C-alpha atoms as a PDB file:
ATOM      1  CA  MET A   1     155.312 119.142  13.139  1.00  0.00           C
ATOM      2  CA  VAL A   2     155.554 120.806   9.707  1.00  0.00           C
ATOM      3  CA  PHE A   3     154.116 122.815   6.714  1.00  0.00           C
ATOM      4  CA  ARG A   4     152.819 121.257   3.650  1.00  0.00           C
ATOM      5  CA  ILE A   5     154.544 119.527   1.112  1.00  0.00           C
ATOM      6  CA  GLY A   6     156.907 121.586  -0.790  1.00  0.00           C
ATOM      7  CA  CYS A   7     158.504 123.263   2.186  1.00  0.00           C
ATOM      8  CA  SER A   8     162.273 123.291   2.302  1.00  0.00           C
ATOM      9  CA  TYR A   9     162.491 122.765   6.110  1.00  0.00           C
ATOM     10  CA  ARG A  10     160.230 119.703   5.922  1.00  0.00           C
ATOM     11  CA  GLN A  11     162.200 118.356   3.349  1.00  0.00           C
ATOM     12  CA  ARG A  12     165.576 118.608   5.543  1.00  0.00           C
ATOM     13  CA  LEU A  13     163.928 117.358   8.543  1.00  0.00           C
ATOM     14  CA  ASP A  14     162.718 114.005   6.728  1.00  0.00           C
ATOM     15  CA  THR A  15     166.373 114.046   5.228  1.00  0.00           C
ATOM     16  CA  LEU A  16     167.571 114.198   8.901  1.00  0.00           C
ATOM     17  CA  LEU A  17     165.472 111.773  10.580  1.00  0.00           C
ATOM     18  CA  THR A  18     165.687 109.302   7.776  1.00  0.00           C
ATOM     19  CA  SER A  19     169.719 109.252   8.238  1.00  0.00           C
ATOM     20  CA  LEU A  20     169.438 108.735  11.759  1.00  0.00           C
ATOM     21  CA  GLY A  21     167.235 105.740  10.859  1.00  0.00           C
ATOM     22  CA  ILE A  22     164.159 107.064  12.526  1.00  0.00           C
ATOM     23  CA  VAL A  23     160.830 106.104  11.025  1.00  0.00           C
ATOM     24  CA  ALA A  24     158.732 109.155  11.841  1.00  0.00           C
ATOM     25  CA  PRO A  25     154.902 108.691  11.805  1.00  0.00           C
ATOM     26  CA  GLU A  26     152.920 110.676   9.691  1.00  0.00           C
ATOM     27  CA  PRO A  27     153.699 114.454  10.126  1.00  0.00           C
ATOM     28  CA  LEU A  28     151.090 116.860  11.474  1.00  0.00           C
ATOM     29  CA  GLU A  29     150.795 119.913   9.215  1.00  0.00           C
ATOM     30  CA  PHE A  30     150.200 123.564  10.217  1.00  0.00           C
ATOM     31  CA  GLY A  31     149.723 126.731   8.163  1.00  0.00           C
ATOM     32  CA  SER A  32     151.690 129.009  10.741  1.00  0.00           C
ATOM     33  CA  ILE A  33     154.966 128.915  12.475  1.00  0.00           C
ATOM     34  CA  GLU A  34     153.150 129.895  15.517  1.00  0.00           C
ATOM     35  CA  ALA A  35     151.309 126.914  15.658  1.00  0.00           C
ATOM     36  CA  ILE A  36     153.913 124.824  14.769  1.00  0.00           C
ATOM     37  CA  ILE A  37     156.262 126.141  17.998  1.00  0.00           C
ATOM     38  CA  ALA A  38     153.427 125.759  20.053  1.00  0.00           C
ATOM     39  CA  CYS A  39     153.028 122.254  19.449  1.00  0.00           C
ATOM     40  CA  VAL A  40     156.576 121.722  19.750  1.00  0.00           C
ATOM     41  CA  SER A  41     156.812 123.496  23.366  1.00  0.00           C
ATOM     42  CA  ALA A  42     153.535 121.334  24.355  1.00  0.00           C
ATOM     43  CA  GLY A  43     155.481 118.264  23.750  1.00  0.00           C
ATOM     44  CA  VAL A  44     153.906 116.934  20.608  1.00  0.00           C
ATOM     45  CA  GLY A  45     156.715 116.419  18.461  1.00  0.00           C
ATOM     46  CA  VAL A  46     159.853 117.962  16.693  1.00  0.00           C
ATOM     47  CA  THR A  47     160.333 120.579  13.730  1.00  0.00           C
ATOM     48  CA  LEU A  48     163.115 121.988  11.919  1.00  0.00           C
ATOM     49  CA  LEU A  49     163.124 125.642  11.713  1.00  0.00           C
ATOM     50  CA  PRO A  50     165.805 128.716  11.332  1.00  0.00           C
ATOM     51  CA  ARG A  51     167.246 129.436  14.428  1.00  0.00           C
ATOM     52  CA  GLY A  52     165.939 132.948  14.556  1.00  0.00           C
ATOM     53  CA  VAL A  53     162.206 131.790  14.051  1.00  0.00           C
ATOM     54  CA  VAL A  54     162.457 129.929  17.366  1.00  0.00           C
ATOM     55  CA  ALA A  55     164.766 132.352  19.149  1.00  0.00           C
ATOM     56  CA  THR A  56     162.235 133.790  21.264  1.00  0.00           C
ATOM     57  CA  ALA A  57     160.411 130.523  22.297  1.00  0.00           C
ATOM     58  CA  ALA A  58     164.101 129.139  23.071  1.00  0.00           C
ATOM     59  CA  ARG A  59     164.908 132.330  25.293  1.00  0.00           C
ATOM     60  CA  GLU A  60     161.737 131.919  27.083  1.00  0.00           C
ATOM     61  CA  GLY A  61     162.488 127.858  27.863  1.00  0.00           C
ATOM     62  CA  LEU A  62     159.831 126.845  25.679  1.00  0.00           C
ATOM     63  CA  VAL A  63     161.856 124.671  23.457  1.00  0.00           C
ATOM     64  CA  ALA A  64     165.247 123.271  23.300  1.00  0.00           C
ATOM     65  CA  VAL A  65     167.394 124.099  20.292  1.00  0.00           C
ATOM     66  CA  HIS A  66     170.145 121.857  18.915  1.00  0.00           C
ATOM     67  CA  ASP A  67     172.862 122.521  16.215  1.00  0.00           C
ATOM     68  CA  LEU A  68     172.589 120.586  13.072  1.00  0.00           C
ATOM     69  CA  PRO A  69     175.565 119.041  11.047  1.00  0.00           C
ATOM     70  CA  ALA A  70     177.010 121.543   8.422  1.00  0.00           C
ATOM     71  CA  GLU A  71     175.660 119.621   5.512  1.00  0.00           C
ATOM     72  CA  LEU A  72     172.220 120.023   6.840  1.00  0.00           C
ATOM     73  CA  ALA A  73     172.588 123.376   8.378  1.00  0.00           C
ATOM     74  CA  GLN A  74     173.294 125.435   5.116  1.00  0.00           C
ATOM     75  CA  VAL A  75     170.236 126.427   3.407  1.00  0.00           C
ATOM     76  CA  GLU A  76     170.323 128.430   0.071  1.00  0.00           C
ATOM     77  CA  THR A  77     167.923 131.329  -0.031  1.00  0.00           C
ATOM     78  CA  VAL A  78     167.077 133.047  -3.189  1.00  0.00           C
ATOM     79  CA  PHE A  79     165.393 136.689  -3.989  1.00  0.00           C
ATOM     80  CA  VAL A  80     163.083 136.731  -6.923  1.00  0.00           C
ATOM     81  CA  ARG A  81     161.890 139.850  -8.315  1.00  0.00           C
ATOM     82  CA  ARG A  82     160.659 140.906 -11.777  1.00  0.00           C
ATOM     83  CA  ILE A  83     163.536 141.823 -14.419  1.00  0.00           C
ATOM     84  CA  ASP A  84     161.595 144.664 -15.525  1.00  0.00           C
ATOM     85  CA  GLY A  85     160.277 145.758 -12.047  1.00  0.00           C
ATOM     86  CA  TYR A  86     161.244 149.272 -10.475  1.00  0.00           C
ATOM     87  CA  TYR A  87     164.583 148.768  -8.937  1.00  0.00           C
ATOM     88  CA  SER A  88     164.957 151.413  -5.717  1.00  0.00           C
ATOM     89  CA  SER A  89     168.098 152.600  -4.248  1.00  0.00           C
ATOM     90  CA  ALA A  90     166.388 150.841  -0.961  1.00  0.00           C
ATOM     91  CA  LEU A  91     166.544 147.423  -2.808  1.00  0.00           C
ATOM     92  CA  SER A  92     169.592 148.171  -4.177  1.00  0.00           C
ATOM     93  CA  THR A  93     170.856 148.578  -0.578  1.00  0.00           C
ATOM     94  CA  PHE A  94     169.061 145.583   0.818  1.00  0.00           C
ATOM     95  CA  LEU A  95     170.300 143.329  -2.018  1.00  0.00           C
ATOM     96  CA  HIS A  96     174.024 144.458  -1.110  1.00  0.00           C
ATOM     97  CA  SER A  97     173.487 143.931   2.497  1.00  0.00           C
ATOM     98  CA  VAL A  98     172.164 140.598   2.307  1.00  0.00           C
ATOM     99  CA  ARG A  99     175.223 139.421  -0.111  1.00  0.00           C
ATOM    100  CA  LEU A 100     177.578 140.687   2.256  1.00  0.00           C
ATOM    101  CA  ASP A 101     175.881 139.047   5.308  1.00  0.00           C
ATOM    102  CA  ALA A 102     175.637 135.724   3.267  1.00  0.00           C
ATOM    103  CA  VAL A 103     179.304 135.710   2.586  1.00  0.00           C
ATOM    104  CA  SER A 104     180.283 136.589   6.207  1.00  0.00           C
ATOM    105  CA  ALA A 105     178.032 134.441   8.377  1.00  0.00           C
ATOM    106  CA  PRO A 106     176.321 131.176   7.125  1.00  0.00           C
ATOM    107  CA  VAL A 107     172.990 130.523   8.594  1.00  0.00           C
ATOM    108  CA  LEU A 108     172.185 127.599  10.609  1.00  0.00           C
ATOM    109  CA  ALA A 109     168.888 125.851  10.940  1.00  0.00           C
ATOM    110  CA  SER A 110     167.961 124.140  14.134  1.00  0.00           C
ATOM    111  CA  VAL A 111     165.758 121.529  15.339  1.00  0.00           C
ATOM    112  CA  ALA A 112     163.297 122.417  18.121  1.00  0.00           C
ATOM    113  CA  LEU A 113     162.705 119.812  20.444  1.00  0.00           C
END
């Protein structure tokens, strides 16, 4: 259960399955996270998404969440804006907060089964 080609989580899932020697059938592509989680919870397949995205479904017992090896769990995220765009104090505070969080707590992605 994945998004269209180009999604970084889809690429990571492909890498993980390949590293485990698993030949996956043609993936089912969806346009929403909700549809992906619903299919996983129905037992149709697996996916790879950030832990926070599947937290509610995991808490409700709809999916099982598994930690990934560190080399696959680290995901670089970038924030892009126009260089000549308005730079408000709120944006400055947000970016400062994100930078602090990124340094103190690495993000782990999870496989939902």
